[in-house]
PDB file of all heavy atoms in Angstrom:
ATOM      1  N   ALA A   1      16.047  13.723 -20.746  1.00  0.00           N
ATOM      2  CA  ALA A   1      15.399  12.864 -19.603  1.00  0.00           C
ATOM      3  C   ALA A   1      15.582  11.427 -20.015  1.00  0.00           C
ATOM      4  O   ALA A   1      15.322  11.061 -21.059  1.00  0.00           O
ATOM      5  CB  ALA A   1      14.007  13.285 -19.464  1.00  0.00           C
ATOM      6  N   ALA A   2      15.817  10.662 -18.944  1.00  0.00           N
ATOM      7  CA  ALA A   2      16.031   9.075 -19.284  1.00  0.00           C
ATOM      8  C   ALA A   2      15.649   8.414 -17.988  1.00  0.00           C
ATOM      9  O   ALA A   2      15.805   8.892 -16.796  1.00  0.00           O
ATOM     10  CB  ALA A   2      17.444   8.796 -19.654  1.00  0.00           C
ATOM     11  N   LYS A   3      14.963   7.246 -18.145  1.00  0.00           N
ATOM     12  CA  LYS A   3      14.562   6.387 -16.964  1.00  0.00           C
ATOM     13  C   LYS A   3      15.838   5.892 -16.260  1.00  0.00           C
ATOM     14  O   LYS A   3      16.930   5.811 -16.990  1.00  0.00           O
ATOM     15  CB  LYS A   3      13.770   5.237 -17.509  1.00  0.00           C
ATOM     16  CG  LYS A   3      12.306   5.669 -18.065  1.00  0.00           C
ATOM     17  CD  LYS A   3      11.738   4.433 -18.461  1.00  0.00           C
ATOM     18  CE  LYS A   3      10.306   4.900 -19.097  1.00  0.00           C
ATOM     19  NZ  LYS A   3       9.440   3.656 -19.531  1.00  0.00           N
ATOM     20  N   PRO A   4      15.918   5.463 -15.132  1.00  0.00           N
ATOM     21  CA  PRO A   4      16.993   5.123 -14.441  1.00  0.00           C
ATOM     22  C   PRO A   4      17.730   3.834 -15.119  1.00  0.00           C
ATOM     23  O   PRO A   4      18.932   3.854 -15.157  1.00  0.00           O
ATOM     24  CB  PRO A   4      16.547   4.557 -12.990  1.00  0.00           C
ATOM     25  CG  PRO A   4      15.360   5.468 -12.770  1.00  0.00           C
ATOM     26  CD  PRO A   4      14.779   5.683 -14.172  1.00  0.00           C
ATOM     27  N   SER A   5      16.799   3.016 -15.615  1.00  0.00           N
ATOM     28  CA  SER A   5      17.466   1.906 -16.288  1.00  0.00           C
ATOM     29  C   SER A   5      18.191   2.224 -17.533  1.00  0.00           C
ATOM     30  O   SER A   5      19.229   1.718 -17.802  1.00  0.00           O
ATOM     31  CB  SER A   5      16.376   0.776 -16.576  1.00  0.00           C
ATOM     32  OG  SER A   5      15.438   1.324 -17.399  1.00  0.00           O
ATOM     33  N   VAL A   6      17.595   3.162 -18.259  1.00  0.00           N
ATOM     34  CA  VAL A   6      18.082   3.642 -19.510  1.00  0.00           C
ATOM     35  C   VAL A   6      19.458   4.404 -19.206  1.00  0.00           C
ATOM     36  O   VAL A   6      20.417   4.285 -19.881  1.00  0.00           O
ATOM     37  CB  VAL A   6      17.148   4.477 -20.360  1.00  0.00           C
ATOM     38  CG1 VAL A   6      17.896   5.214 -21.521  1.00  0.00           C
ATOM     39  CG2 VAL A   6      15.939   3.726 -20.738  1.00  0.00           C
ATOM     40  N   ARG A   7      19.345   5.294 -18.173  1.00  0.00           N
ATOM     41  CA  ARG A   7      20.575   6.005 -17.778  1.00  0.00           C
ATOM     42  C   ARG A   7      21.734   5.106 -17.450  1.00  0.00           C
ATOM     43  O   ARG A   7      22.843   5.361 -17.819  1.00  0.00           O
ATOM     44  CB  ARG A   7      20.208   6.973 -16.562  1.00  0.00           C
ATOM     45  CG  ARG A   7      21.310   7.752 -16.107  1.00  0.00           C
ATOM     46  CD  ARG A   7      20.859   8.400 -14.759  1.00  0.00           C
ATOM     47  NE  ARG A   7      22.029   9.287 -14.229  1.00  0.00           N
ATOM     48  CZ  ARG A   7      22.076  10.573 -14.220  1.00  0.00           C
ATOM     49  NH1 ARG A   7      21.073  11.206 -14.968  1.00  0.00           N
ATOM     50  NH2 ARG A   7      23.095  11.301 -13.883  1.00  0.00           N
ATOM     51  N   ALA A   8      21.462   3.951 -16.616  1.00  0.00           N
ATOM     52  CA  ALA A   8      22.466   3.114 -16.223  1.00  0.00           C
ATOM     53  C   ALA A   8      23.076   2.485 -17.473  1.00  0.00           C
ATOM     54  O   ALA A   8      24.265   2.243 -17.551  1.00  0.00           O
ATOM     55  CB  ALA A   8      21.919   2.087 -15.229  1.00  0.00           C
ATOM     56  N   ARG A   9      22.247   2.094 -18.429  1.00  0.00           N
ATOM     57  CA  ARG A   9      22.782   1.320 -19.675  1.00  0.00           C
ATOM     58  C   ARG A   9      23.635   2.271 -20.483  1.00  0.00           C
ATOM     59  O   ARG A   9      24.673   1.862 -20.968  1.00  0.00           O
ATOM     60  CB  ARG A   9      21.597   0.850 -20.492  1.00  0.00           C
ATOM     61  CG  ARG A   9      21.914   0.288 -21.726  1.00  0.00           C
ATOM     62  CD  ARG A   9      22.710  -1.064 -21.604  1.00  0.00           C
ATOM     63  NE  ARG A   9      23.227  -1.802 -22.743  1.00  0.00           N
ATOM     64  CZ  ARG A   9      22.484  -2.513 -23.543  1.00  0.00           C
ATOM     65  NH1 ARG A   9      21.294  -2.857 -23.022  1.00  0.00           N
ATOM     66  NH2 ARG A   9      22.879  -3.052 -24.563  1.00  0.00           N
ATOM     67  N   VAL A  10      23.169   3.606 -20.673  1.00  0.00           N
ATOM     68  CA  VAL A  10      23.978   4.549 -21.431  1.00  0.00           C
ATOM     69  C   VAL A  10      25.319   4.777 -20.869  1.00  0.00           C
ATOM     70  O   VAL A  10      26.297   4.755 -21.485  1.00  0.00           O
ATOM     71  CB  VAL A  10      23.121   5.874 -21.595  1.00  0.00           C
ATOM     72  CG1 VAL A  10      24.120   6.982 -22.255  1.00  0.00           C
ATOM     73  CG2 VAL A  10      21.943   5.606 -22.434  1.00  0.00           C
ATOM     74  N   PHE A  11      25.368   4.971 -19.489  1.00  0.00           N
ATOM     75  CA  PHE A  11      26.685   5.246 -18.832  1.00  0.00           C
ATOM     76  C   PHE A  11      27.525   4.020 -18.828  1.00  0.00           C
ATOM     77  O   PHE A  11      28.809   4.022 -18.886  1.00  0.00           O
ATOM     78  CB  PHE A  11      26.394   5.673 -17.460  1.00  0.00           C
ATOM     79  CG  PHE A  11      26.220   7.194 -17.410  1.00  0.00           C
ATOM     80  CD1 PHE A  11      24.892   7.783 -17.246  1.00  0.00           C
ATOM     81  CD2 PHE A  11      27.225   8.223 -17.582  1.00  0.00           C
ATOM     82  CE1 PHE A  11      24.665   9.093 -17.215  1.00  0.00           C
ATOM     83  CE2 PHE A  11      27.061   9.556 -17.521  1.00  0.00           C
ATOM     84  CZ  PHE A  11      25.796  10.017 -17.373  1.00  0.00           C
ATOM     85  N   ALA A  12      26.928   2.875 -18.630  1.00  0.00           N
ATOM     86  CA  ALA A  12      27.696   1.625 -18.715  1.00  0.00           C
ATOM     87  C   ALA A  12      28.487   1.416 -20.036  1.00  0.00           C
ATOM     88  O   ALA A  12      29.599   1.197 -20.257  1.00  0.00           O
ATOM     89  CB  ALA A  12      26.947   0.446 -18.479  1.00  0.00           C
ATOM     90  N   ASP A  13      27.612   1.619 -21.155  1.00  0.00           N
ATOM     91  CA  ASP A  13      28.179   1.524 -22.514  1.00  0.00           C
ATOM     92  C   ASP A  13      29.166   2.572 -22.782  1.00  0.00           C
ATOM     93  O   ASP A  13      30.258   2.325 -23.393  1.00  0.00           O
ATOM     94  CB  ASP A  13      27.058   1.560 -23.533  1.00  0.00           C
ATOM     95  CG  ASP A  13      26.060   0.301 -23.469  1.00  0.00           C
ATOM     96  OD1 ASP A  13      26.582  -0.702 -22.809  1.00  0.00           O
ATOM     97  OD2 ASP A  13      25.003   0.418 -24.146  1.00  0.00           O
ATOM     98  N   THR A  14      28.945   3.784 -22.373  1.00  0.00           N
ATOM     99  CA  THR A  14      29.779   4.927 -22.590  1.00  0.00           C
ATOM    100  C   THR A  14      31.133   4.743 -21.718  1.00  0.00           C
ATOM    101  O   THR A  14      32.178   5.003 -22.290  1.00  0.00           O
ATOM    102  CB  THR A  14      29.242   6.199 -22.133  1.00  0.00           C
ATOM    103  OG1 THR A  14      28.053   6.475 -22.776  1.00  0.00           O
ATOM    104  CG2 THR A  14      30.129   7.384 -22.532  1.00  0.00           C
ATOM    105  N   ALA A  15      31.039   4.083 -20.549  1.00  0.00           N
ATOM    106  CA  ALA A  15      32.261   3.903 -19.794  1.00  0.00           C
ATOM    107  C   ALA A  15      33.049   2.934 -20.534  1.00  0.00           C
ATOM    108  O   ALA A  15      34.409   2.842 -20.498  1.00  0.00           O
ATOM    109  CB  ALA A  15      31.865   3.441 -18.380  1.00  0.00           C
ATOM    110  N   ALA A  16      32.477   1.891 -21.012  1.00  0.00           N
ATOM    111  CA  ALA A  16      33.228   0.697 -21.803  1.00  0.00           C
ATOM    112  C   ALA A  16      33.906   1.397 -23.009  1.00  0.00           C
ATOM    113  O   ALA A  16      35.017   1.000 -23.274  1.00  0.00           O
ATOM    114  CB  ALA A  16      32.231  -0.260 -22.125  1.00  0.00           C
ATOM    115  N   SER A  17      33.203   2.287 -23.678  1.00  0.00           N
ATOM    116  CA  SER A  17      33.799   2.960 -24.825  1.00  0.00           C
ATOM    117  C   SER A  17      34.911   3.896 -24.402  1.00  0.00           C
ATOM    118  O   SER A  17      35.917   3.988 -25.174  1.00  0.00           O
ATOM    119  CB  SER A  17      32.747   3.689 -25.544  1.00  0.00           C
ATOM    120  OG  SER A  17      33.155   4.318 -26.749  1.00  0.00           O
ATOM    121  N   ALA A  18      34.808   4.380 -23.174  1.00  0.00           N
ATOM    122  CA  ALA A  18      35.871   5.459 -22.787  1.00  0.00           C
ATOM    123  C   ALA A  18      37.182   4.631 -22.526  1.00  0.00           C
ATOM    124  O   ALA A  18      38.349   5.192 -22.520  1.00  0.00           O
ATOM    125  CB  ALA A  18      35.413   6.023 -21.418  1.00  0.00           C
ATOM    126  N   THR A  19      37.088   3.330 -22.145  1.00  0.00           N
ATOM    127  CA  THR A  19      38.304   2.533 -21.925  1.00  0.00           C
ATOM    128  C   THR A  19      39.091   2.398 -23.321  1.00  0.00           C
ATOM    129  O   THR A  19      40.357   2.159 -23.334  1.00  0.00           O
ATOM    130  CB  THR A  19      38.080   1.209 -21.392  1.00  0.00           C
ATOM    131  OG1 THR A  19      37.175   0.460 -22.247  1.00  0.00           O
ATOM    132  CG2 THR A  19      37.354   1.293 -20.065  1.00  0.00           C
ATOM    133  N   ARG A  20      38.387   2.601 -24.332  1.00  0.00           N
ATOM    134  CA  ARG A  20      39.117   2.421 -25.683  1.00  0.00           C
ATOM    135  C   ARG A  20      39.334   3.811 -26.392  1.00  0.00           C
ATOM    136  O   ARG A  20      39.715   3.856 -27.436  1.00  0.00           O
ATOM    137  CB  ARG A  20      38.213   1.630 -26.716  1.00  0.00           C
ATOM    138  CG  ARG A  20      37.912   0.213 -26.156  1.00  0.00           C
ATOM    139  CD  ARG A  20      37.318  -0.613 -27.177  1.00  0.00           C
ATOM    140  NE  ARG A  20      35.967  -0.064 -27.766  1.00  0.00           N
ATOM    141  CZ  ARG A  20      34.850  -0.313 -27.138  1.00  0.00           C
ATOM    142  NH1 ARG A  20      34.733  -1.048 -26.098  1.00  0.00           N
ATOM    143  NH2 ARG A  20      33.818   0.248 -27.750  1.00  0.00           N
ATOM    144  N   LEU A  21      39.164   4.820 -25.601  1.00  0.00           N
ATOM    145  CA  LEU A  21      39.187   6.248 -26.138  1.00  0.00           C
ATOM    146  C   LEU A  21      40.618   6.606 -26.246  1.00  0.00           C
ATOM    147  O   LEU A  21      41.538   6.494 -25.309  1.00  0.00           O
ATOM    148  CB  LEU A  21      38.511   7.258 -25.026  1.00  0.00           C
ATOM    149  CG  LEU A  21      38.463   8.643 -25.620  1.00  0.00           C
ATOM    150  CD1 LEU A  21      37.687   8.754 -26.835  1.00  0.00           C
ATOM    151  CD2 LEU A  21      37.829   9.555 -24.531  1.00  0.00           C
ATOM    152  N   ASP A  22      41.000   7.051 -27.377  1.00  0.00           N
ATOM    153  CA  ASP A  22      42.432   7.445 -27.756  1.00  0.00           C
ATOM    154  C   ASP A  22      42.465   8.943 -28.002  1.00  0.00           C
ATOM    155  O   ASP A  22      42.001   9.388 -29.092  1.00  0.00           O
ATOM    156  CB  ASP A  22      43.027   6.738 -28.885  1.00  0.00           C
ATOM    157  CG  ASP A  22      44.438   7.043 -29.241  1.00  0.00           C
ATOM    158  OD1 ASP A  22      45.131   7.811 -28.400  1.00  0.00           O
ATOM    159  OD2 ASP A  22      45.006   6.508 -30.197  1.00  0.00           O
ATOM    160  N   LEU A  23      42.775   9.702 -27.008  1.00  0.00           N
ATOM    161  CA  LEU A  23      42.870  11.203 -27.113  1.00  0.00           C
ATOM    162  C   LEU A  23      43.822  11.698 -28.250  1.00  0.00           C
ATOM    163  O   LEU A  23      43.440  12.792 -28.837  1.00  0.00           O
ATOM    164  CB  LEU A  23      43.085  11.919 -25.829  1.00  0.00           C
ATOM    165  CG  LEU A  23      42.078  11.660 -24.735  1.00  0.00           C
ATOM    166  CD1 LEU A  23      42.521  12.358 -23.426  1.00  0.00           C
ATOM    167  CD2 LEU A  23      40.668  11.946 -25.065  1.00  0.00           C
ATOM    168  N   ARG A  24      44.766  10.984 -28.478  1.00  0.00           N
ATOM    169  CA  ARG A  24      45.741  11.390 -29.481  1.00  0.00           C
ATOM    170  C   ARG A  24      45.122  11.398 -30.916  1.00  0.00           C
ATOM    171  O   ARG A  24      45.463  12.127 -31.751  1.00  0.00           O
ATOM    172  CB  ARG A  24      47.061  10.530 -29.497  1.00  0.00           C
ATOM    173  CG  ARG A  24      47.959  10.759 -28.233  1.00  0.00           C
ATOM    174  CD  ARG A  24      48.952   9.827 -28.105  1.00  0.00           C
ATOM    175  NE  ARG A  24      48.492   8.377 -28.030  1.00  0.00           N
ATOM    176  CZ  ARG A  24      49.324   7.466 -27.886  1.00  0.00           C
ATOM    177  NH1 ARG A  24      50.698   7.603 -27.938  1.00  0.00           N
ATOM    178  NH2 ARG A  24      48.905   6.185 -27.878  1.00  0.00           N
ATOM    179  N   THR A  25      44.192  10.466 -31.042  1.00  0.00           N
ATOM    180  CA  THR A  25      43.494  10.393 -32.424  1.00  0.00           C
ATOM    181  C   THR A  25      42.492  11.447 -32.467  1.00  0.00           C
ATOM    182  O   THR A  25      42.240  12.127 -33.620  1.00  0.00           O
ATOM    183  CB  THR A  25      42.800   8.964 -32.529  1.00  0.00           C
ATOM    184  OG1 THR A  25      43.753   8.024 -32.436  1.00  0.00           O
ATOM    185  CG2 THR A  25      42.041   8.887 -33.853  1.00  0.00           C
ATOM    186  N   ALA A  26      41.727  11.727 -31.369  1.00  0.00           N
ATOM    187  CA  ALA A  26      40.721  12.702 -31.452  1.00  0.00           C
ATOM    188  C   ALA A  26      41.248  14.125 -31.475  1.00  0.00           C
ATOM    189  O   ALA A  26      40.723  15.041 -32.125  1.00  0.00           O
ATOM    190  CB  ALA A  26      39.702  12.585 -30.253  1.00  0.00           C
ATOM    191  N   PHE A  27      42.416  14.348 -30.823  1.00  0.00           N
ATOM    192  CA  PHE A  27      43.081  15.631 -30.690  1.00  0.00           C
ATOM    193  C   PHE A  27      44.463  15.544 -31.025  1.00  0.00           C
ATOM    194  O   PHE A  27      45.346  15.463 -30.183  1.00  0.00           O
ATOM    195  CB  PHE A  27      42.863  16.324 -29.271  1.00  0.00           C
ATOM    196  CG  PHE A  27      41.434  16.357 -28.833  1.00  0.00           C
ATOM    197  CD1 PHE A  27      40.901  15.244 -27.957  1.00  0.00           C
ATOM    198  CD2 PHE A  27      40.495  17.254 -29.373  1.00  0.00           C
ATOM    199  CE1 PHE A  27      39.588  15.345 -27.559  1.00  0.00           C
ATOM    200  CE2 PHE A  27      39.255  17.311 -28.931  1.00  0.00           C
ATOM    201  CZ  PHE A  27      38.713  16.346 -28.120  1.00  0.00           C
ATOM    202  N   PRO A  28      44.858  15.402 -32.338  1.00  0.00           N
ATOM    203  CA  PRO A  28      46.221  15.200 -32.672  1.00  0.00           C
ATOM    204  C   PRO A  28      47.024  16.454 -32.545  1.00  0.00           C
ATOM    205  O   PRO A  28      46.600  17.525 -32.347  1.00  0.00           O
ATOM    206  CB  PRO A  28      46.052  14.959 -34.209  1.00  0.00           C
ATOM    207  CG  PRO A  28      44.863  15.687 -34.677  1.00  0.00           C
ATOM    208  CD  PRO A  28      43.894  15.631 -33.517  1.00  0.00           C
ATOM    209  N   ILE A  29      48.450  16.123 -32.442  1.00  0.00           N
ATOM    210  CA  ILE A  29      49.319  17.151 -32.182  1.00  0.00           C
ATOM    211  C   ILE A  29      49.919  17.891 -33.382  1.00  0.00           C
ATOM    212  O   ILE A  29      50.674  18.694 -33.342  1.00  0.00           O
ATOM    213  CB  ILE A  29      50.590  16.662 -31.468  1.00  0.00           C
ATOM    214  CG1 ILE A  29      51.373  17.714 -30.601  1.00  0.00           C
ATOM    215  CG2 ILE A  29      51.508  15.870 -32.325  1.00  0.00           C
ATOM    216  CD1 ILE A  29      52.398  17.243 -29.659  1.00  0.00           C
ATOM    217  N   THR A  30      49.245  17.407 -34.609  1.00  0.00           N
ATOM    218  CA  THR A  30      49.745  17.957 -35.824  1.00  0.00           C
ATOM    219  C   THR A  30      49.683  19.467 -36.037  1.00  0.00           C
ATOM    220  O   THR A  30      50.545  20.139 -36.486  1.00  0.00           O
ATOM    221  CB  THR A  30      49.071  17.198 -37.116  1.00  0.00           C
ATOM    222  OG1 THR A  30      49.155  15.874 -36.842  1.00  0.00           O
ATOM    223  CG2 THR A  30      49.511  17.661 -38.383  1.00  0.00           C
ATOM    224  N   PRO A  31      48.545  20.127 -35.695  1.00  0.00           N
ATOM    225  CA  PRO A  31      48.285  21.584 -35.850  1.00  0.00           C
ATOM    226  C   PRO A  31      49.515  22.306 -35.048  1.00  0.00           C
ATOM    227  O   PRO A  31      50.059  23.333 -35.401  1.00  0.00           O
ATOM    228  CB  PRO A  31      47.069  21.860 -35.284  1.00  0.00           C
ATOM    229  CG  PRO A  31      46.257  20.603 -35.518  1.00  0.00           C
ATOM    230  CD  PRO A  31      47.205  19.474 -35.211  1.00  0.00           C
ATOM    231  N   LEU A  32      49.723  21.737 -33.775  1.00  0.00           N
ATOM    232  CA  LEU A  32      50.777  22.447 -32.952  1.00  0.00           C
ATOM    233  C   LEU A  32      52.137  22.289 -33.530  1.00  0.00           C
ATOM    234  O   LEU A  32      52.988  23.160 -33.618  1.00  0.00           O
ATOM    235  CB  LEU A  32      50.775  21.724 -31.614  1.00  0.00           C
ATOM    236  CG  LEU A  32      51.978  22.192 -30.636  1.00  0.00           C
ATOM    237  CD1 LEU A  32      51.892  23.700 -30.338  1.00  0.00           C
ATOM    238  CD2 LEU A  32      51.782  21.346 -29.263  1.00  0.00           C
ATOM    239  N   ALA A  33      52.380  21.110 -34.180  1.00  0.00           N
ATOM    240  CA  ALA A  33      53.729  20.884 -34.854  1.00  0.00           C
ATOM    241  C   ALA A  33      53.878  21.885 -36.029  1.00  0.00           C
ATOM    242  O   ALA A  33      55.010  22.407 -36.294  1.00  0.00           O
ATOM    243  CB  ALA A  33      53.903  19.456 -35.275  1.00  0.00           C
ATOM    244  N   ARG A  34      52.896  21.980 -36.775  1.00  0.00           N
ATOM    245  CA  ARG A  34      52.864  22.946 -37.897  1.00  0.00           C
ATOM    246  C   ARG A  34      53.233  24.402 -37.445  1.00  0.00           C
ATOM    247  O   ARG A  34      53.980  25.151 -38.009  1.00  0.00           O
ATOM    248  CB  ARG A  34      51.643  22.851 -38.827  1.00  0.00           C
ATOM    249  CG  ARG A  34      51.502  21.647 -39.614  1.00  0.00           C
ATOM    250  CD  ARG A  34      50.433  21.860 -40.680  1.00  0.00           C
ATOM    251  NE  ARG A  34      49.211  22.035 -40.100  1.00  0.00           N
ATOM    252  CZ  ARG A  34      48.254  21.119 -39.903  1.00  0.00           C
ATOM    253  NH1 ARG A  34      48.486  19.919 -40.473  1.00  0.00           N
ATOM    254  NH2 ARG A  34      47.026  21.402 -39.491  1.00  0.00           N
ATOM    255  N   ALA A  35      52.519  24.829 -36.334  1.00  0.00           N
ATOM    256  CA  ALA A  35      52.753  26.182 -35.785  1.00  0.00           C
ATOM    257  C   ALA A  35      54.129  26.295 -35.337  1.00  0.00           C
ATOM    258  O   ALA A  35      54.767  27.441 -35.457  1.00  0.00           O
ATOM    259  CB  ALA A  35      51.742  26.473 -34.739  1.00  0.00           C
ATOM    260  N   ALA A  36      54.563  25.286 -34.653  1.00  0.00           N
ATOM    261  CA  ALA A  36      56.022  25.193 -34.100  1.00  0.00           C
ATOM    262  C   ALA A  36      57.068  25.449 -35.241  1.00  0.00           C
ATOM    263  O   ALA A  36      57.954  26.278 -35.117  1.00  0.00           O
ATOM    264  CB  ALA A  36      56.294  24.052 -33.254  1.00  0.00           C
ATOM    265  N   LEU A  37      56.846  24.720 -36.237  1.00  0.00           N
ATOM    266  CA  LEU A  37      57.736  24.811 -37.549  1.00  0.00           C
ATOM    267  C   LEU A  37      57.730  26.124 -38.010  1.00  0.00           C
ATOM    268  O   LEU A  37      58.672  26.745 -38.522  1.00  0.00           O
ATOM    269  CB  LEU A  37      57.331  23.721 -38.506  1.00  0.00           C
ATOM    270  CG  LEU A  37      57.729  22.279 -38.134  1.00  0.00           C
ATOM    271  CD1 LEU A  37      57.206  21.398 -39.273  1.00  0.00           C
ATOM    272  CD2 LEU A  37      59.172  22.124 -37.983  1.00  0.00           C
ATOM    273  N   LEU A  38      56.365  26.824 -38.083  1.00  0.00           N
ATOM    274  CA  LEU A  38      56.322  28.234 -38.651  1.00  0.00           C
ATOM    275  C   LEU A  38      57.159  29.039 -37.812  1.00  0.00           C
ATOM    276  O   LEU A  38      57.883  30.031 -38.327  1.00  0.00           O
ATOM    277  CB  LEU A  38      54.912  28.540 -38.690  1.00  0.00           C
ATOM    278  CG  LEU A  38      54.624  29.903 -39.138  1.00  0.00           C
ATOM    279  CD1 LEU A  38      55.075  30.123 -40.562  1.00  0.00           C
ATOM    280  CD2 LEU A  38      53.053  30.265 -39.071  1.00  0.00           C
ATOM    281  N   ALA A  39      57.100  29.038 -36.533  1.00  0.00           N
ATOM    282  CA  ALA A  39      57.833  29.944 -35.527  1.00  0.00           C
ATOM    283  C   ALA A  39      59.331  29.652 -35.799  1.00  0.00           C
ATOM    284  O   ALA A  39      60.074  30.672 -35.808  1.00  0.00           O
ATOM    285  CB  ALA A  39      57.442  29.644 -34.205  1.00  0.00           C
TER     286      ALA A  39
END
């Protein structure tokens, strides 16, 4: 539970952080490459 002002602040900061989000860093393709090399 959060007050409207707190909710707005959290989502504003999260949206700003989302613009710098790099999915390739969080979810790298390295495990898939290893599995493909094994195949």
